[in-house]
Amino acid sequence: MSERKYVLNQESANQKLHRMALEIAENLSGSDADIILIGVRNSGTVIAEKIAAFLKPYVKNQVINITVSLDKDLPKEVILSEKLNFTDLNIV
C-alpha cells in the first residue's frame, strides 16, 4: 500500500478554506440572496461543506449546500442533489 501524499496539511487546508469563506462573505456583503455552494460529488462536497461552516458566522444569508454528480471524463449529464431555482441566488 503506497503512502498518501498531501499538498497541504489539515491546518493549512483549513486556513485556506476559512480564507475562501471570508472572501465569499466580503464579495457578497450587502446581498440578501441565499448562497448556494455546489460541490462536485465526493471531495468537492466535503470542501463545500467546510466552506459553508466557515462562512455561516459571517453572513446573514441562508447557506445551502448541494452536490453535482457527473462523469468527469465525459460530462454529458449533470445531476444535482436538489432541484432549485437559481434565479437571483449567489452561486459558488
PDB file of N, CA and C in Angstrom:
ATOM      1  N   MET A   1       0.848  -1.179   0.000  1.00  0.00           N
ATOM      2  CA  MET A   1       0.000   0.000   0.000  1.00  0.00           C
ATOM      3  C   MET A   1       0.894   1.243   0.000  1.00  0.00           C
ATOM      4  N   SER A   2       0.680   2.139  -0.930  1.00  0.00           N
ATOM      5  CA  SER A   2       1.519   3.329  -1.013  1.00  0.00           C
ATOM      6  C   SER A   2       1.041   4.393  -0.024  1.00  0.00           C
ATOM      7  N   GLU A   3       1.991   5.177   0.419  1.00  0.00           N
ATOM      8  CA  GLU A   3       1.667   6.260   1.352  1.00  0.00           C
ATOM      9  C   GLU A   3       1.001   7.393   0.594  1.00  0.00           C
ATOM     10  N   ARG A   4      -0.067   7.931   1.170  1.00  0.00           N
ATOM     11  CA  ARG A   4      -0.808   9.018   0.528  1.00  0.00           C
ATOM     12  C   ARG A   4      -0.054  10.330   0.720  1.00  0.00           C
ATOM     13  N   LYS A   5       0.062  11.106  -0.346  1.00  0.00           N
ATOM     14  CA  LYS A   5       0.756  12.385  -0.282  1.00  0.00           C
ATOM     15  C   LYS A   5      -0.266  13.508  -0.341  1.00  0.00           C
ATOM     16  N   TYR A   6      -0.083  14.507   0.480  1.00  0.00           N
ATOM     17  CA  TYR A   6      -0.992  15.640   0.540  1.00  0.00           C
ATOM     18  C   TYR A   6      -0.254  16.916   0.150  1.00  0.00           C
ATOM     19  N   VAL A   7      -0.977  17.801  -0.526  1.00  0.00           N
ATOM     20  CA  VAL A   7      -0.416  19.089  -0.899  1.00  0.00           C
ATOM     21  C   VAL A   7      -0.360  19.994   0.331  1.00  0.00           C
ATOM     22  N   LEU A   8      -1.410  19.966   1.153  1.00  0.00           N
ATOM     23  CA  LEU A   8      -1.497  20.775   2.368  1.00  0.00           C
ATOM     24  C   LEU A   8      -1.795  19.877   3.557  1.00  0.00           C
ATOM     25  N   ASN A   9      -1.287  20.247   4.723  1.00  0.00           N
ATOM     26  CA  ASN A   9      -1.698  19.525   5.924  1.00  0.00           C
ATOM     27  C   ASN A   9      -3.069  20.048   6.348  1.00  0.00           C
ATOM     28  N   GLN A  10      -3.682  19.402   7.337  1.00  0.00           N
ATOM     29  CA  GLN A  10      -5.044  19.752   7.729  1.00  0.00           C
ATOM     30  C   GLN A  10      -5.156  21.205   8.189  1.00  0.00           C
ATOM     31  N   GLU A  11      -4.200  21.669   8.973  1.00  0.00           N
ATOM     32  CA  GLU A  11      -4.245  23.050   9.466  1.00  0.00           C
ATOM     33  C   GLU A  11      -4.164  24.054   8.314  1.00  0.00           C
ATOM     34  N   SER A  12      -3.255  23.825   7.388  1.00  0.00           N
ATOM     35  CA  SER A  12      -3.105  24.725   6.240  1.00  0.00           C
ATOM     36  C   SER A  12      -4.345  24.696   5.353  1.00  0.00           C
ATOM     37  N   ALA A  13      -4.903  23.514   5.143  1.00  0.00           N
ATOM     38  CA  ALA A  13      -6.114  23.390   4.328  1.00  0.00           C
ATOM     39  C   ALA A  13      -7.267  24.158   4.978  1.00  0.00           C
ATOM     40  N   ASN A  14      -7.429  24.016   6.290  1.00  0.00           N
ATOM     41  CA  ASN A  14      -8.491  24.740   6.989  1.00  0.00           C
ATOM     42  C   ASN A  14      -8.288  26.248   6.904  1.00  0.00           C
ATOM     43  N   GLN A  15      -7.048  26.706   6.995  1.00  0.00           N
ATOM     44  CA  GLN A  15      -6.767  28.139   6.866  1.00  0.00           C
ATOM     45  C   GLN A  15      -7.166  28.639   5.479  1.00  0.00           C
ATOM     46  N   LYS A  16      -6.840  27.866   4.446  1.00  0.00           N
ATOM     47  CA  LYS A  16      -7.186  28.260   3.069  1.00  0.00           C
ATOM     48  C   LYS A  16      -8.705  28.294   2.878  1.00  0.00           C
ATOM     49  N   LEU A  17      -9.404  27.283   3.404  1.00  0.00           N
ATOM     50  CA  LEU A  17     -10.864  27.240   3.265  1.00  0.00           C
ATOM     51  C   LEU A  17     -11.521  28.369   4.047  1.00  0.00           C
ATOM     52  N   HIS A  18     -10.977  28.694   5.218  1.00  0.00           N
ATOM     53  CA  HIS A  18     -11.501  29.815   6.004  1.00  0.00           C
ATOM     54  C   HIS A  18     -11.302  31.117   5.241  1.00  0.00           C
ATOM     55  N   ARG A  19     -10.151  31.274   4.625  1.00  0.00           N
ATOM     56  CA  ARG A  19      -9.876  32.480   3.836  1.00  0.00           C
ATOM     57  C   ARG A  19     -10.839  32.573   2.651  1.00  0.00           C
ATOM     58  N   MET A  20     -11.123  31.436   2.010  1.00  0.00           N
ATOM     59  CA  MET A  20     -12.084  31.429   0.903  1.00  0.00           C
ATOM     60  C   MET A  20     -13.459  31.867   1.398  1.00  0.00           C
ATOM     61  N   ALA A  21     -13.852  31.382   2.572  1.00  0.00           N
ATOM     62  CA  ALA A  21     -15.145  31.774   3.147  1.00  0.00           C
ATOM     63  C   ALA A  21     -15.184  33.271   3.413  1.00  0.00           C
ATOM     64  N   LEU A  22     -14.102  33.822   3.931  1.00  0.00           N
ATOM     65  CA  LEU A  22     -14.039  35.264   4.178  1.00  0.00           C
ATOM     66  C   LEU A  22     -14.143  36.056   2.875  1.00  0.00           C
ATOM     67  N   GLU A  23     -13.477  35.583   1.835  1.00  0.00           N
ATOM     68  CA  GLU A  23     -13.548  36.244   0.524  1.00  0.00           C
ATOM     69  C   GLU A  23     -14.981  36.226  -0.012  1.00  0.00           C
ATOM     70  N   ILE A  24     -15.654  35.087   0.132  1.00  0.00           N
ATOM     71  CA  ILE A  24     -17.043  34.982  -0.315  1.00  0.00           C
ATOM     72  C   ILE A  24     -17.907  35.962   0.462  1.00  0.00           C
ATOM     73  N   ALA A  25     -17.735  35.993   1.789  1.00  0.00           N
ATOM     74  CA  ALA A  25     -18.523  36.907   2.628  1.00  0.00           C
ATOM     75  C   ALA A  25     -18.282  38.363   2.230  1.00  0.00           C
ATOM     76  N   GLU A  26     -17.031  38.716   1.966  1.00  0.00           N
ATOM     77  CA  GLU A  26     -16.711  40.087   1.555  1.00  0.00           C
ATOM     78  C   GLU A  26     -17.362  40.421   0.218  1.00  0.00           C
ATOM     79  N   ASN A  27     -17.292  39.503  -0.731  1.00  0.00           N
ATOM     80  CA  ASN A  27     -17.867  39.744  -2.059  1.00  0.00           C
ATOM     81  C   ASN A  27     -19.387  39.819  -2.040  1.00  0.00           C
ATOM     82  N   LEU A  28     -20.015  39.152  -1.079  1.00  0.00           N
ATOM     83  CA  LEU A  28     -21.473  39.136  -1.016  1.00  0.00           C
ATOM     84  C   LEU A  28     -22.025  40.117   0.005  1.00  0.00           C
ATOM     85  N   SER A  29     -21.167  40.945   0.553  1.00  0.00           N
ATOM     86  CA  SER A  29     -21.594  41.928   1.541  1.00  0.00           C
ATOM     87  C   SER A  29     -22.708  42.799   0.960  1.00  0.00           C
ATOM     88  N   GLY A  30     -23.808  42.906   1.694  1.00  0.00           N
ATOM     89  CA  GLY A  30     -24.932  43.713   1.241  1.00  0.00           C
ATOM     90  C   GLY A  30     -25.980  42.932   0.474  1.00  0.00           C
ATOM     91  N   SER A  31     -25.689  41.708   0.101  1.00  0.00           N
ATOM     92  CA  SER A  31     -26.657  40.885  -0.623  1.00  0.00           C
ATOM     93  C   SER A  31     -27.524  40.121   0.371  1.00  0.00           C
ATOM     94  N   ASP A  32     -28.823  40.098   0.113  1.00  0.00           N
ATOM     95  CA  ASP A  32     -29.743  39.343   0.958  1.00  0.00           C
ATOM     96  C   ASP A  32     -30.071  37.974   0.364  1.00  0.00           C
ATOM     97  N   ALA A  33     -29.608  37.707  -0.842  1.00  0.00           N
ATOM     98  CA  ALA A  33     -29.938  36.453  -1.515  1.00  0.00           C
ATOM     99  C   ALA A  33     -29.225  35.267  -0.862  1.00  0.00           C
ATOM    100  N   ASP A  34     -29.884  34.109  -0.897  1.00  0.00           N
ATOM    101  CA  ASP A  34     -29.286  32.890  -0.369  1.00  0.00           C
ATOM    102  C   ASP A  34     -27.993  32.580  -1.116  1.00  0.00           C
ATOM    103  N   ILE A  35     -27.142  31.811  -0.463  1.00  0.00           N
ATOM    104  CA  ILE A  35     -25.873  31.397  -1.049  1.00  0.00           C
ATOM    105  C   ILE A  35     -25.947  29.892  -1.296  1.00  0.00           C
ATOM    106  N   ILE A  36     -25.695  29.496  -2.524  1.00  0.00           N
ATOM    107  CA  ILE A  36     -25.673  28.084  -2.889  1.00  0.00           C
ATOM    108  C   ILE A  36     -24.217  27.696  -3.117  1.00  0.00           C
ATOM    109  N   LEU A  37     -23.729  26.735  -2.341  1.00  0.00           N
ATOM    110  CA  LEU A  37     -22.390  26.195  -2.547  1.00  0.00           C
ATOM    111  C   LEU A  37     -22.550  24.839  -3.218  1.00  0.00           C
ATOM    112  N   ILE A  38     -21.948  24.681  -4.385  1.00  0.00           N
ATOM    113  CA  ILE A  38     -22.068  23.434  -5.134  1.00  0.00           C
ATOM    114  C   ILE A  38     -20.718  22.732  -5.124  1.00  0.00           C
ATOM    115  N   GLY A  39     -20.727  21.515  -4.612  1.00  0.00           N
ATOM    116  CA  GLY A  39     -19.516  20.702  -4.597  1.00  0.00           C
ATOM    117  C   GLY A  39     -19.655  19.530  -5.535  1.00  0.00           C
ATOM    118  N   VAL A  40     -18.580  19.215  -6.240  1.00  0.00           N
ATOM    119  CA  VAL A  40     -18.584  18.034  -7.102  1.00  0.00           C
ATOM    120  C   VAL A  40     -18.530  16.808  -6.190  1.00  0.00           C
ATOM    121  N   ARG A  41     -19.383  15.836  -6.482  1.00  0.00           N
ATOM    122  CA  ARG A  41     -19.563  14.652  -5.638  1.00  0.00           C
ATOM    123  C   ARG A  41     -18.235  14.136  -5.086  1.00  0.00           C
ATOM    124  N   ASN A  42     -18.275  13.762  -3.865  1.00  0.00           N
ATOM    125  CA  ASN A  42     -17.200  13.239  -3.034  1.00  0.00           C
ATOM    126  C   ASN A  42     -16.363  14.386  -2.467  1.00  0.00           C
ATOM    127  N   SER A  43     -15.150  14.549  -2.893  1.00  0.00           N
ATOM    128  CA  SER A  43     -14.252  15.530  -2.271  1.00  0.00           C
ATOM    129  C   SER A  43     -14.756  16.959  -2.369  1.00  0.00           C
ATOM    130  N   GLY A  44     -15.339  17.315  -3.486  1.00  0.00           N
ATOM    131  CA  GLY A  44     -15.852  18.677  -3.660  1.00  0.00           C
ATOM    132  C   GLY A  44     -16.994  18.988  -2.714  1.00  0.00           C
ATOM    133  N   THR A  45     -17.793  17.981  -2.413  1.00  0.00           N
ATOM    134  CA  THR A  45     -18.891  18.163  -1.468  1.00  0.00           C
ATOM    135  C   THR A  45     -18.341  18.421  -0.074  1.00  0.00           C
ATOM    136  N   VAL A  46     -17.316  17.698   0.304  1.00  0.00           N
ATOM    137  CA  VAL A  46     -16.682  17.889   1.616  1.00  0.00           C
ATOM    138  C   VAL A  46     -16.116  19.302   1.721  1.00  0.00           C
ATOM    139  N   ILE A  47     -15.468  19.759   0.673  1.00  0.00           N
ATOM    140  CA  ILE A  47     -14.901  21.111   0.667  1.00  0.00           C
ATOM    141  C   ILE A  47     -16.007  22.156   0.772  1.00  0.00           C
ATOM    142  N   ALA A  48     -17.085  21.986   0.019  1.00  0.00           N
ATOM    143  CA  ALA A  48     -18.210  22.935   0.071  1.00  0.00           C
ATOM    144  C   ALA A  48     -18.811  22.977   1.474  1.00  0.00           C
ATOM    145  N   GLU A  49     -18.937  21.830   2.119  1.00  0.00           N
ATOM    146  CA  GLU A  49     -19.482  21.778   3.481  1.00  0.00           C
ATOM    147  C   GLU A  49     -18.576  22.499   4.474  1.00  0.00           C
ATOM    148  N   LYS A  50     -17.271  22.343   4.320  1.00  0.00           N
ATOM    149  CA  LYS A  50     -16.332  23.023   5.214  1.00  0.00           C
ATOM    150  C   LYS A  50     -16.365  24.536   4.998  1.00  0.00           C
ATOM    151  N   ILE A  51     -16.427  24.962   3.742  1.00  0.00           N
ATOM    152  CA  ILE A  51     -16.522  26.394   3.456  1.00  0.00           C
ATOM    153  C   ILE A  51     -17.818  26.951   4.048  1.00  0.00           C
ATOM    154  N   ALA A  52     -18.921  26.208   3.912  1.00  0.00           N
ATOM    155  CA  ALA A  52     -20.204  26.655   4.472  1.00  0.00           C
ATOM    156  C   ALA A  52     -20.100  26.841   5.982  1.00  0.00           C
ATOM    157  N   ALA A  53     -19.453  25.917   6.659  1.00  0.00           N
ATOM    158  CA  ALA A  53     -19.310  26.018   8.113  1.00  0.00           C
ATOM    159  C   ALA A  53     -18.502  27.260   8.493  1.00  0.00           C
ATOM    160  N   PHE A  54     -17.448  27.554   7.738  1.00  0.00           N
ATOM    161  CA  PHE A  54     -16.653  28.760   7.998  1.00  0.00           C
ATOM    162  C   PHE A  54     -17.428  30.026   7.629  1.00  0.00           C
ATOM    163  N   LEU A  55     -18.269  29.956   6.613  1.00  0.00           N
ATOM    164  CA  LEU A  55     -18.980  31.119   6.083  1.00  0.00           C
ATOM    165  C   LEU A  55     -20.139  31.568   6.975  1.00  0.00           C
ATOM    166  N   LYS A  56     -20.860  30.641   7.548  1.00  0.00           N
ATOM    167  CA  LYS A  56     -22.098  30.947   8.277  1.00  0.00           C
ATOM    168  C   LYS A  56     -21.957  32.019   9.357  1.00  0.00           C
ATOM    169  N   PRO A  57     -20.880  32.075  10.125  1.00  0.00           N
ATOM    170  CA  PRO A  57     -20.780  33.145  11.132  1.00  0.00           C
ATOM    171  C   PRO A  57     -20.641  34.553  10.545  1.00  0.00           C
ATOM    172  N   TYR A  58     -20.293  34.657   9.267  1.00  0.00           N
ATOM    173  CA  TYR A  58     -20.010  35.948   8.663  1.00  0.00           C
ATOM    174  C   TYR A  58     -21.145  36.502   7.798  1.00  0.00           C
ATOM    175  N   VAL A  59     -22.164  35.694   7.526  1.00  0.00           N
ATOM    176  CA  VAL A  59     -23.256  36.140   6.659  1.00  0.00           C
ATOM    177  C   VAL A  59     -24.596  35.889   7.325  1.00  0.00           C
ATOM    178  N   LYS A  60     -25.559  36.725   6.960  1.00  0.00           N
ATOM    179  CA  LYS A  60     -26.920  36.519   7.465  1.00  0.00           C
ATOM    180  C   LYS A  60     -27.742  35.690   6.480  1.00  0.00           C
ATOM    181  N   ASN A  61     -27.229  35.539   5.280  1.00  0.00           N
ATOM    182  CA  ASN A  61     -27.905  34.787   4.232  1.00  0.00           C
ATOM    183  C   ASN A  61     -27.975  33.306   4.598  1.00  0.00           C
ATOM    184  N   GLN A  62     -28.979  32.633   4.059  1.00  0.00           N
ATOM    185  CA  GLN A  62     -29.040  31.188   4.205  1.00  0.00           C
ATOM    186  C   GLN A  62     -27.969  30.586   3.305  1.00  0.00           C
ATOM    187  N   VAL A  63     -27.224  29.615   3.818  1.00  0.00           N
ATOM    188  CA  VAL A  63     -26.191  28.929   3.046  1.00  0.00           C
ATOM    189  C   VAL A  63     -26.688  27.507   2.785  1.00  0.00           C
ATOM    190  N   ILE A  64     -26.786  27.158   1.513  1.00  0.00           N
ATOM    191  CA  ILE A  64     -27.310  25.855   1.106  1.00  0.00           C
ATOM    192  C   ILE A  64     -26.213  25.110   0.351  1.00  0.00           C
ATOM    193  N   ASN A  65     -25.976  23.863   0.746  1.00  0.00           N
ATOM    194  CA  ASN A  65     -25.012  23.016   0.039  1.00  0.00           C
ATOM    195  C   ASN A  65     -25.754  22.038  -0.850  1.00  0.00           C
ATOM    196  N   ILE A  66     -25.295  21.914  -2.086  1.00  0.00           N
ATOM    197  CA  ILE A  66     -25.803  20.851  -2.948  1.00  0.00           C
ATOM    198  C   ILE A  66     -24.609  20.179  -3.618  1.00  0.00           C
ATOM    199  N   THR A  67     -24.883  18.998  -4.150  1.00  0.00           N
ATOM    200  CA  THR A  67     -23.836  18.210  -4.789  1.00  0.00           C
ATOM    201  C   THR A  67     -24.158  18.053  -6.267  1.00  0.00           C
ATOM    202  N   VAL A  68     -23.138  18.121  -7.092  1.00  0.00           N
ATOM    203  CA  VAL A  68     -23.288  17.853  -8.518  1.00  0.00           C
ATOM    204  C   VAL A  68     -22.540  16.545  -8.809  1.00  0.00           C
ATOM    205  N   SER A  69     -23.188  15.681  -9.565  1.00  0.00           N
ATOM    206  CA  SER A  69     -22.581  14.424  -9.985  1.00  0.00           C
ATOM    207  C   SER A  69     -22.457  14.431 -11.497  1.00  0.00           C
ATOM    208  N   LEU A  70     -21.305  13.997 -11.977  1.00  0.00           N
ATOM    209  CA  LEU A  70     -21.096  13.918 -13.415  1.00  0.00           C
ATOM    210  C   LEU A  70     -19.936  12.991 -13.700  1.00  0.00           C
ATOM    211  N   ASP A  71     -19.899  12.486 -14.905  1.00  0.00           N
ATOM    212  CA  ASP A  71     -18.762  11.697 -15.364  1.00  0.00           C
ATOM    213  C   ASP A  71     -17.687  12.698 -15.763  1.00  0.00           C
ATOM    214  N   LYS A  72     -16.605  12.752 -15.010  1.00  0.00           N
ATOM    215  CA  LYS A  72     -15.581  13.777 -15.238  1.00  0.00           C
ATOM    216  C   LYS A  72     -14.873  13.593 -16.584  1.00  0.00           C
ATOM    217  N   ASP A  73     -14.851  12.367 -17.102  1.00  0.00           N
ATOM    218  CA  ASP A  73     -14.199  12.121 -18.389  1.00  0.00           C
ATOM    219  C   ASP A  73     -15.095  12.482 -19.573  1.00  0.00           C
ATOM    220  N   LEU A  74     -16.411  12.313 -19.397  1.00  0.00           N
ATOM    221  CA  LEU A  74     -17.361  12.593 -20.464  1.00  0.00           C
ATOM    222  C   LEU A  74     -18.629  13.191 -19.845  1.00  0.00           C
ATOM    223  N   PRO A  75     -18.581  14.491 -19.493  1.00  0.00           N
ATOM    224  CA  PRO A  75     -19.692  15.109 -18.733  1.00  0.00           C
ATOM    225  C   PRO A  75     -20.911  15.462 -19.585  1.00  0.00           C
ATOM    226  N   LYS A  76     -21.588  14.432 -20.093  1.00  0.00           N
ATOM    227  CA  LYS A  76     -22.798  14.669 -20.889  1.00  0.00           C
ATOM    228  C   LYS A  76     -23.981  15.012 -20.007  1.00  0.00           C
ATOM    229  N   GLU A  77     -24.062  14.358 -18.859  1.00  0.00           N
ATOM    230  CA  GLU A  77     -25.196  14.552 -17.966  1.00  0.00           C
ATOM    231  C   GLU A  77     -24.706  15.051 -16.616  1.00  0.00           C
ATOM    232  N   VAL A  78     -25.342  16.111 -16.131  1.00  0.00           N
ATOM    233  CA  VAL A  78     -25.016  16.688 -14.831  1.00  0.00           C
ATOM    234  C   VAL A  78     -26.242  16.514 -13.938  1.00  0.00           C
ATOM    235  N   ILE A  79     -26.020  15.925 -12.762  1.00  0.00           N
ATOM    236  CA  ILE A  79     -27.129  15.657 -11.852  1.00  0.00           C
ATOM    237  C   ILE A  79     -26.889  16.424 -10.555  1.00  0.00           C
ATOM    238  N   LEU A  80     -27.872  17.243 -10.169  1.00  0.00           N
ATOM    239  CA  LEU A  80     -27.792  17.987  -8.914  1.00  0.00           C
ATOM    240  C   LEU A  80     -28.537  17.221  -7.829  1.00  0.00           C
ATOM    241  N   SER A  81     -28.048  17.313  -6.591  1.00  0.00           N
ATOM    242  CA  SER A  81     -28.678  16.613  -5.478  1.00  0.00           C
ATOM    243  C   SER A  81     -30.043  17.198  -5.131  1.00  0.00           C
ATOM    244  N   GLU A  82     -30.288  18.442  -5.523  1.00  0.00           N
ATOM    245  CA  GLU A  82     -31.577  19.103  -5.287  1.00  0.00           C
ATOM    246  C   GLU A  82     -31.947  19.917  -6.511  1.00  0.00           C
ATOM    247  N   LYS A  83     -33.224  19.989  -6.774  1.00  0.00           N
ATOM    248  CA  LYS A  83     -33.701  20.866  -7.845  1.00  0.00           C
ATOM    249  C   LYS A  83     -34.024  22.211  -7.205  1.00  0.00           C
ATOM    250  N   LEU A  84     -33.328  23.228  -7.648  1.00  0.00           N
ATOM    251  CA  LEU A  84     -33.512  24.576  -7.115  1.00  0.00           C
ATOM    252  C   LEU A  84     -33.692  25.567  -8.245  1.00  0.00           C
ATOM    253  N   ASN A  85     -34.376  26.649  -7.935  1.00  0.00           N
ATOM    254  CA  ASN A  85     -34.460  27.772  -8.852  1.00  0.00           C
ATOM    255  C   ASN A  85     -33.279  28.680  -8.497  1.00  0.00           C
ATOM    256  N   PHE A  86     -32.325  28.806  -9.382  1.00  0.00           N
ATOM    257  CA  PHE A  86     -31.109  29.559  -9.112  1.00  0.00           C
ATOM    258  C   PHE A  86     -31.238  31.056  -9.393  1.00  0.00           C
ATOM    259  N   THR A  87     -32.404  31.502  -9.823  1.00  0.00           N
ATOM    260  CA  THR A  87     -32.608  32.906 -10.156  1.00  0.00           C
ATOM    261  C   THR A  87     -32.362  33.774  -8.928  1.00  0.00           C
ATOM    262  N   ASP A  88     -31.562  34.799  -9.093  1.00  0.00           N
ATOM    263  CA  ASP A  88     -31.255  35.792  -8.055  1.00  0.00           C
ATOM    264  C   ASP A  88     -30.589  35.199  -6.817  1.00  0.00           C
ATOM    265  N   LEU A  89     -29.909  34.072  -6.940  1.00  0.00           N
ATOM    266  CA  LEU A  89     -29.166  33.499  -5.821  1.00  0.00           C
ATOM    267  C   LEU A  89     -27.674  33.691  -6.057  1.00  0.00           C
ATOM    268  N   ASN A  90     -26.907  33.635  -5.010  1.00  0.00           N
ATOM    269  CA  ASN A  90     -25.452  33.686  -5.087  1.00  0.00           C
ATOM    270  C   ASN A  90     -24.951  32.252  -5.184  1.00  0.00           C
ATOM    271  N   ILE A  91     -24.280  31.909  -6.276  1.00  0.00           N
ATOM    272  CA  ILE A  91     -23.857  30.541  -6.524  1.00  0.00           C
ATOM    273  C   ILE A  91     -22.339  30.469  -6.565  1.00  0.00           C
ATOM    274  N   VAL A  92     -21.808  29.539  -5.756  1.00  0.00           N
ATOM    275  CA  VAL A  92     -20.351  29.325  -5.703  1.00  0.00           C
ATOM    276  C   VAL A  92     -20.087  27.868  -5.995  1.00  0.00           C
TER     277      VAL A  92
END
